[in-house]
Amino acid sequence: MKELMDFNEKDLNMAALTTFRCCLIGGYAFVLEGHKGLKSFDAQKIQFKQNKNRLISVIGLNLTIKQLTKSYALVLGEITGVNYETVN
């Protein structure tokens, strides 16, 4: 893995265009910035598109989408896991 100082300007510009930010708070709240839409949801699993080949999945119990905008999401519930998956 590259150290932060090993990245050049091109790497940082590409990262800014293709990445997302997320934060799990206390196992009960999940904040996601930079998603590309909602793929599926139910009370145990919510999937967001990150790009055409990648999904971000929030897994848990009694999950609800408290807030959803074009690129921001707030998920509440008993969160037991977050996965970053490649799909075909």
Foldseek 3Di string as FASTA:
>chain_A
DDDPVPDDPVNVVVCVVQDKDWDDDPQFKIKIFQFQAWDDDDQAKTWTHSDPFKIKIWGDGRKDFPDDDRGITMIGDRTDDIDIDTHD
